[in-house]
Amino acid sequence: MNSSFGRAVIAAPRVFVGLLVLVAIGTMLFGVFARYVLLPITDWFDIDPVNFFWVEEVGETALAWITLIGAAIAVGTRGHFHLSVVVHRLPPAGRRWVDAATQVLIAAFGLLVAWLGTKLAIMNSVLTSPALEFSLAWLYLPATVGGVLMALYAAGHLVSGPEGDAE
């Protein structure tokens, strides 16, 4: 993917995950600050405490998105786990076949994750979170997005061939 669109398709999930990591860290830091600094101060002055119940929901949702989009990024960069105990001893045609089979399995797994994530998102869309009252579909949509990205990245690798094929 040498086009600007291709680079954006690869860069956008990384930027999104990076921003979510910052949001998650900031939210968790606020939660610690609220629990150990603001809460004792409000107790001391006998005033209503600061509500920080929402911190857990934001962190949980951010973690779901970070994990599943991050998994797709790993597929896109060929950073997923693999063993090359035997594969490196195969002739180039055998290595290409193993790589193609691997990419097909990854794409199938991504589509399965996306399908199940979509079913869960639809099923839970009528439920809301207790603190922020957002639809719980947002907690399951990362599976849909991450699964689709995994399948797209694996399909792209299937078309482009194995890494290091030019050797």
C-alpha atoms as a PDB file:
ATOM      1  CA  MET A   1       0.000   0.000   0.000  1.00  0.00           C
ATOM      2  CA  ASN A   2       2.141   2.832  -1.260  1.00  0.00           C
ATOM      3  CA  SER A   3      -0.729   5.235  -1.937  1.00  0.00           C
ATOM      4  CA  SER A   4      -1.644   7.949   0.532  1.00  0.00           C
ATOM      5  CA  PHE A   5      -4.966   6.177   1.158  1.00  0.00           C
ATOM      6  CA  GLY A   6      -3.116   2.959   1.950  1.00  0.00           C
ATOM      7  CA  ARG A   7      -0.811   4.732   4.372  1.00  0.00           C
ATOM      8  CA  ALA A   8      -3.812   6.362   6.061  1.00  0.00           C
ATOM      9  CA  VAL A   9      -5.550   2.981   6.410  1.00  0.00           C
ATOM     10  CA  ILE A  10      -2.458   1.666   8.181  1.00  0.00           C
ATOM     11  CA  ALA A  11      -1.765   4.808  10.266  1.00  0.00           C
ATOM     12  CA  ALA A  12      -5.318   5.601  11.438  1.00  0.00           C
ATOM     13  CA  PRO A  13      -5.680   2.601  13.792  1.00  0.00           C
ATOM     14  CA  ARG A  14      -2.257   3.322  15.308  1.00  0.00           C
ATOM     15  CA  VAL A  15      -3.160   6.951  15.968  1.00  0.00           C
ATOM     16  CA  PHE A  16      -6.525   5.880  17.392  1.00  0.00           C
ATOM     17  CA  VAL A  17      -4.916   3.345  19.742  1.00  0.00           C
ATOM     18  CA  GLY A  18      -2.259   5.864  20.774  1.00  0.00           C
ATOM     19  CA  LEU A  19      -4.908   8.429  21.669  1.00  0.00           C
ATOM     20  CA  LEU A  20      -6.906   5.812  23.556  1.00  0.00           C
ATOM     21  CA  VAL A  21      -3.838   4.858  25.580  1.00  0.00           C
ATOM     22  CA  LEU A  22      -3.456   8.517  26.588  1.00  0.00           C
ATOM     23  CA  VAL A  23      -7.155   8.727  27.490  1.00  0.00           C
ATOM     24  CA  ALA A  24      -6.950   5.521  29.540  1.00  0.00           C
ATOM     25  CA  ILE A  25      -3.830   6.670  31.398  1.00  0.00           C
ATOM     26  CA  GLY A  26      -5.324  10.112  32.081  1.00  0.00           C
ATOM     27  CA  THR A  27      -8.594   8.616  33.264  1.00  0.00           C
ATOM     28  CA  MET A  28      -6.896   6.126  35.568  1.00  0.00           C
ATOM     29  CA  LEU A  29      -4.651   8.853  36.991  1.00  0.00           C
ATOM     30  CA  PHE A  30      -7.717  10.966  37.702  1.00  0.00           C
ATOM     31  CA  GLY A  31      -9.323   7.972  39.422  1.00  0.00           C
ATOM     32  CA  VAL A  32      -6.296   7.514  41.676  1.00  0.00           C
ATOM     33  CA  PHE A  33      -6.188  11.264  42.403  1.00  0.00           C
ATOM     34  CA  ALA A  34      -9.916  11.342  43.176  1.00  0.00           C
ATOM     35  CA  ARG A  35      -9.758   8.309  45.448  1.00  0.00           C
ATOM     36  CA  TYR A  36      -6.647   9.211  47.443  1.00  0.00           C
ATOM     37  CA  VAL A  37      -6.664  13.027  47.372  1.00  0.00           C
ATOM     38  CA  LEU A  38     -10.118  14.446  46.612  1.00  0.00           C
ATOM     39  CA  LEU A  39     -12.100  11.924  48.634  1.00  0.00           C
ATOM     40  CA  PRO A  40     -10.197  12.576  51.904  1.00  0.00           C
ATOM     41  CA  ILE A  41     -10.487  16.330  51.308  1.00  0.00           C
ATOM     42  CA  THR A  42     -14.261  16.125  50.808  1.00  0.00           C
ATOM     43  CA  ASP A  43     -14.524  13.930  53.910  1.00  0.00           C
ATOM     44  CA  TRP A  44     -12.461  16.433  55.898  1.00  0.00           C
ATOM     45  CA  PHE A  45     -14.680  19.367  54.906  1.00  0.00           C
ATOM     46  CA  ASP A  46     -17.847  17.240  55.146  1.00  0.00           C
ATOM     47  CA  ILE A  47     -18.999  18.078  51.591  1.00  0.00           C
ATOM     48  CA  ASP A  48     -20.384  15.853  48.853  1.00  0.00           C
ATOM     49  CA  PRO A  49     -17.655  13.624  47.392  1.00  0.00           C
ATOM     50  CA  VAL A  50     -16.501  13.882  43.792  1.00  0.00           C
ATOM     51  CA  ASN A  51     -18.156  11.230  41.629  1.00  0.00           C
ATOM     52  CA  PHE A  52     -15.477   9.139  39.942  1.00  0.00           C
ATOM     53  CA  PHE A  53     -17.530   5.982  39.401  1.00  0.00           C
ATOM     54  CA  TRP A  54     -17.309   6.564  35.644  1.00  0.00           C
ATOM     55  CA  VAL A  55     -13.511   6.052  35.597  1.00  0.00           C
ATOM     56  CA  GLU A  56     -13.824   2.273  35.580  1.00  0.00           C
ATOM     57  CA  GLU A  57     -16.259   2.302  32.652  1.00  0.00           C
ATOM     58  CA  VAL A  58     -14.045   4.554  30.549  1.00  0.00           C
ATOM     59  CA  GLY A  59     -10.973   2.445  31.335  1.00  0.00           C
ATOM     60  CA  GLU A  60     -12.759  -0.830  30.563  1.00  0.00           C
ATOM     61  CA  THR A  61     -14.093   0.440  27.256  1.00  0.00           C
ATOM     62  CA  ALA A  62     -10.737   1.943  26.262  1.00  0.00           C
ATOM     63  CA  LEU A  63      -9.005  -1.343  27.101  1.00  0.00           C
ATOM     64  CA  ALA A  64     -11.410  -3.289  24.878  1.00  0.00           C
ATOM     65  CA  TRP A  65     -10.724  -0.956  21.944  1.00  0.00           C
ATOM     66  CA  ILE A  66      -6.958  -0.895  22.557  1.00  0.00           C
ATOM     67  CA  THR A  67      -6.772  -4.694  22.710  1.00  0.00           C
ATOM     68  CA  LEU A  68      -8.755  -5.540  19.599  1.00  0.00           C
ATOM     69  CA  ILE A  69      -7.503  -2.730  17.379  1.00  0.00           C
ATOM     70  CA  GLY A  70      -3.996  -3.488  18.661  1.00  0.00           C
ATOM     71  CA  ALA A  71      -4.413  -7.118  17.621  1.00  0.00           C
ATOM     72  CA  ALA A  72      -5.368  -5.949  14.139  1.00  0.00           C
ATOM     73  CA  ILE A  73      -2.304  -3.687  14.041  1.00  0.00           C
ATOM     74  CA  ALA A  74      -0.166  -6.713  14.925  1.00  0.00           C
ATOM     75  CA  VAL A  75      -1.668  -8.596  11.981  1.00  0.00           C
ATOM     76  CA  GLY A  76      -1.092  -5.590   9.721  1.00  0.00           C
ATOM     77  CA  THR A  77       2.585  -5.366  10.674  1.00  0.00           C
ATOM     78  CA  ARG A  78       3.019  -9.157  10.658  1.00  0.00           C
ATOM     79  CA  GLY A  79       3.811  -8.872  14.337  1.00  0.00           C
ATOM     80  CA  HIS A  80       1.593 -11.791  15.302  1.00  0.00           C
ATOM     81  CA  PHE A  81       3.053 -14.878  16.935  1.00  0.00           C
ATOM     82  CA  HIS A  82       4.353 -17.564  14.620  1.00  0.00           C
ATOM     83  CA  LEU A  83       6.800 -20.440  14.771  1.00  0.00           C
ATOM     84  CA  SER A  84       9.292 -20.938  12.004  1.00  0.00           C
ATOM     85  CA  VAL A  85      10.793 -24.182  13.257  1.00  0.00           C
ATOM     86  CA  VAL A  86      10.157 -26.065  10.034  1.00  0.00           C
ATOM     87  CA  VAL A  87       9.019 -23.377   7.617  1.00  0.00           C
ATOM     88  CA  HIS A  88      12.483 -21.905   7.064  1.00  0.00           C
ATOM     89  CA  ARG A  89      13.649 -25.321   5.777  1.00  0.00           C
ATOM     90  CA  LEU A  90      10.937 -25.489   3.107  1.00  0.00           C
ATOM     91  CA  PRO A  91      11.571 -24.449  -0.494  1.00  0.00           C
ATOM     92  CA  PRO A  92      10.244 -20.980  -1.454  1.00  0.00           C
ATOM     93  CA  ALA A  93       7.035 -22.439  -2.891  1.00  0.00           C
ATOM     94  CA  GLY A  94       6.355 -24.273   0.381  1.00  0.00           C
ATOM     95  CA  ARG A  95       6.993 -21.117   2.412  1.00  0.00           C
ATOM     96  CA  ARG A  96       4.583 -19.195   0.175  1.00  0.00           C
ATOM     97  CA  TRP A  97       1.942 -21.904   0.650  1.00  0.00           C
ATOM     98  CA  VAL A  98       2.332 -21.869   4.446  1.00  0.00           C
ATOM     99  CA  ASP A  99       2.161 -18.051   4.476  1.00  0.00           C
ATOM    100  CA  ALA A 100      -0.965 -18.078   2.287  1.00  0.00           C
ATOM    101  CA  ALA A 101      -2.630 -20.691   4.518  1.00  0.00           C
ATOM    102  CA  THR A 102      -1.709 -18.641   7.593  1.00  0.00           C
ATOM    103  CA  GLN A 103      -3.196 -15.463   6.103  1.00  0.00           C
ATOM    104  CA  VAL A 104      -6.405 -17.301   5.147  1.00  0.00           C
ATOM    105  CA  LEU A 105      -6.730 -18.621   8.723  1.00  0.00           C
ATOM    106  CA  ILE A 106      -6.096 -15.152  10.167  1.00  0.00           C
ATOM    107  CA  ALA A 107      -8.684 -13.607   7.818  1.00  0.00           C
ATOM    108  CA  ALA A 108     -11.230 -16.293   8.729  1.00  0.00           C
ATOM    109  CA  PHE A 109     -10.567 -15.751  12.427  1.00  0.00           C
ATOM    110  CA  GLY A 110     -10.942 -11.969  11.979  1.00  0.00           C
ATOM    111  CA  LEU A 111     -14.268 -12.417  10.194  1.00  0.00           C
ATOM    112  CA  LEU A 112     -15.488 -14.780  12.929  1.00  0.00           C
ATOM    113  CA  VAL A 113     -14.515 -12.256  15.608  1.00  0.00           C
ATOM    114  CA  ALA A 114     -16.246  -9.474  13.650  1.00  0.00           C
ATOM    115  CA  TRP A 115     -19.414 -11.533  13.196  1.00  0.00           C
ATOM    116  CA  LEU A 116     -19.623 -12.510  16.879  1.00  0.00           C
ATOM    117  CA  GLY A 117     -18.752  -8.964  17.966  1.00  0.00           C
ATOM    118  CA  THR A 118     -21.529  -7.583  15.804  1.00  0.00           C
ATOM    119  CA  LYS A 119     -24.025 -10.067  17.258  1.00  0.00           C
ATOM    120  CA  LEU A 120     -22.968  -9.122  20.799  1.00  0.00           C
ATOM    121  CA  ALA A 121     -23.104  -5.394  20.026  1.00  0.00           C
ATOM    122  CA  ILE A 122     -26.611  -5.701  18.622  1.00  0.00           C
ATOM    123  CA  MET A 123     -27.763  -7.861  21.533  1.00  0.00           C
ATOM    124  CA  ASN A 124     -26.354  -5.436  24.137  1.00  0.00           C
ATOM    125  CA  SER A 125     -27.275  -2.211  22.355  1.00  0.00           C
ATOM    126  CA  VAL A 126     -30.408  -1.842  24.482  1.00  0.00           C
ATOM    127  CA  LEU A 127     -28.402  -1.994  27.725  1.00  0.00           C
ATOM    128  CA  THR A 128     -26.605   1.014  29.183  1.00  0.00           C
ATOM    129  CA  SER A 129     -23.640   1.368  31.480  1.00  0.00           C
ATOM    130  CA  PRO A 130     -24.473   2.301  35.079  1.00  0.00           C
ATOM    131  CA  ALA A 131     -22.382   5.462  35.442  1.00  0.00           C
ATOM    132  CA  LEU A 132     -22.204   7.118  32.033  1.00  0.00           C
ATOM    133  CA  GLU A 133     -25.323   5.481  30.603  1.00  0.00           C
ATOM    134  CA  PHE A 134     -23.811   4.853  27.180  1.00  0.00           C
ATOM    135  CA  SER A 135     -24.918   1.873  25.116  1.00  0.00           C
ATOM    136  CA  LEU A 136     -23.024  -1.301  25.966  1.00  0.00           C
ATOM    137  CA  ALA A 137     -22.709  -1.899  22.227  1.00  0.00           C
ATOM    138  CA  TRP A 138     -19.621   0.349  22.461  1.00  0.00           C
ATOM    139  CA  LEU A 139     -18.001  -2.319  24.611  1.00  0.00           C
ATOM    140  CA  TYR A 140     -18.490  -4.985  21.900  1.00  0.00           C
ATOM    141  CA  LEU A 141     -17.958  -2.934  18.737  1.00  0.00           C
ATOM    142  CA  PRO A 142     -14.156  -3.183  19.050  1.00  0.00           C
ATOM    143  CA  ALA A 143     -14.487  -6.882  18.178  1.00  0.00           C
ATOM    144  CA  THR A 144     -16.311  -5.943  14.988  1.00  0.00           C
ATOM    145  CA  VAL A 145     -13.837  -3.236  13.977  1.00  0.00           C
ATOM    146  CA  GLY A 146     -10.761  -5.226  15.022  1.00  0.00           C
ATOM    147  CA  GLY A 147     -11.997  -8.383  13.301  1.00  0.00           C
ATOM    148  CA  VAL A 148     -12.687  -6.567  10.040  1.00  0.00           C
ATOM    149  CA  LEU A 149      -9.267  -4.899  10.181  1.00  0.00           C
ATOM    150  CA  MET A 150      -7.585  -8.264  10.850  1.00  0.00           C
ATOM    151  CA  ALA A 151      -9.342  -9.772   7.831  1.00  0.00           C
ATOM    152  CA  LEU A 152      -8.432  -6.797   5.605  1.00  0.00           C
ATOM    153  CA  TYR A 153      -4.792  -6.815   6.677  1.00  0.00           C
ATOM    154  CA  ALA A 154      -4.533 -10.596   6.214  1.00  0.00           C
ATOM    155  CA  ALA A 155      -6.139 -10.313   2.761  1.00  0.00           C
ATOM    156  CA  GLY A 156      -3.627  -7.599   1.888  1.00  0.00           C
ATOM    157  CA  HIS A 157      -0.758  -9.857   2.960  1.00  0.00           C
ATOM    158  CA  LEU A 158      -2.256 -12.703   0.955  1.00  0.00           C
ATOM    159  CA  VAL A 159      -2.215 -10.516  -2.167  1.00  0.00           C
ATOM    160  CA  SER A 160       1.260  -9.073  -1.556  1.00  0.00           C
ATOM    161  CA  GLY A 161       2.834 -12.416  -0.700  1.00  0.00           C
ATOM    162  CA  PRO A 162       5.128 -13.458   2.122  1.00  0.00           C
ATOM    163  CA  GLU A 163       7.385 -10.976   3.865  1.00  0.00           C
ATOM    164  CA  GLY A 164      10.868 -11.177   2.464  1.00  0.00           C
ATOM    165  CA  ASP A 165       9.603 -12.845  -0.739  1.00  0.00           C
ATOM    166  CA  ALA A 166      11.908 -10.618  -2.771  1.00  0.00           C
ATOM    167  CA  GLU A 167      14.966 -12.387  -1.321  1.00  0.00           C
END
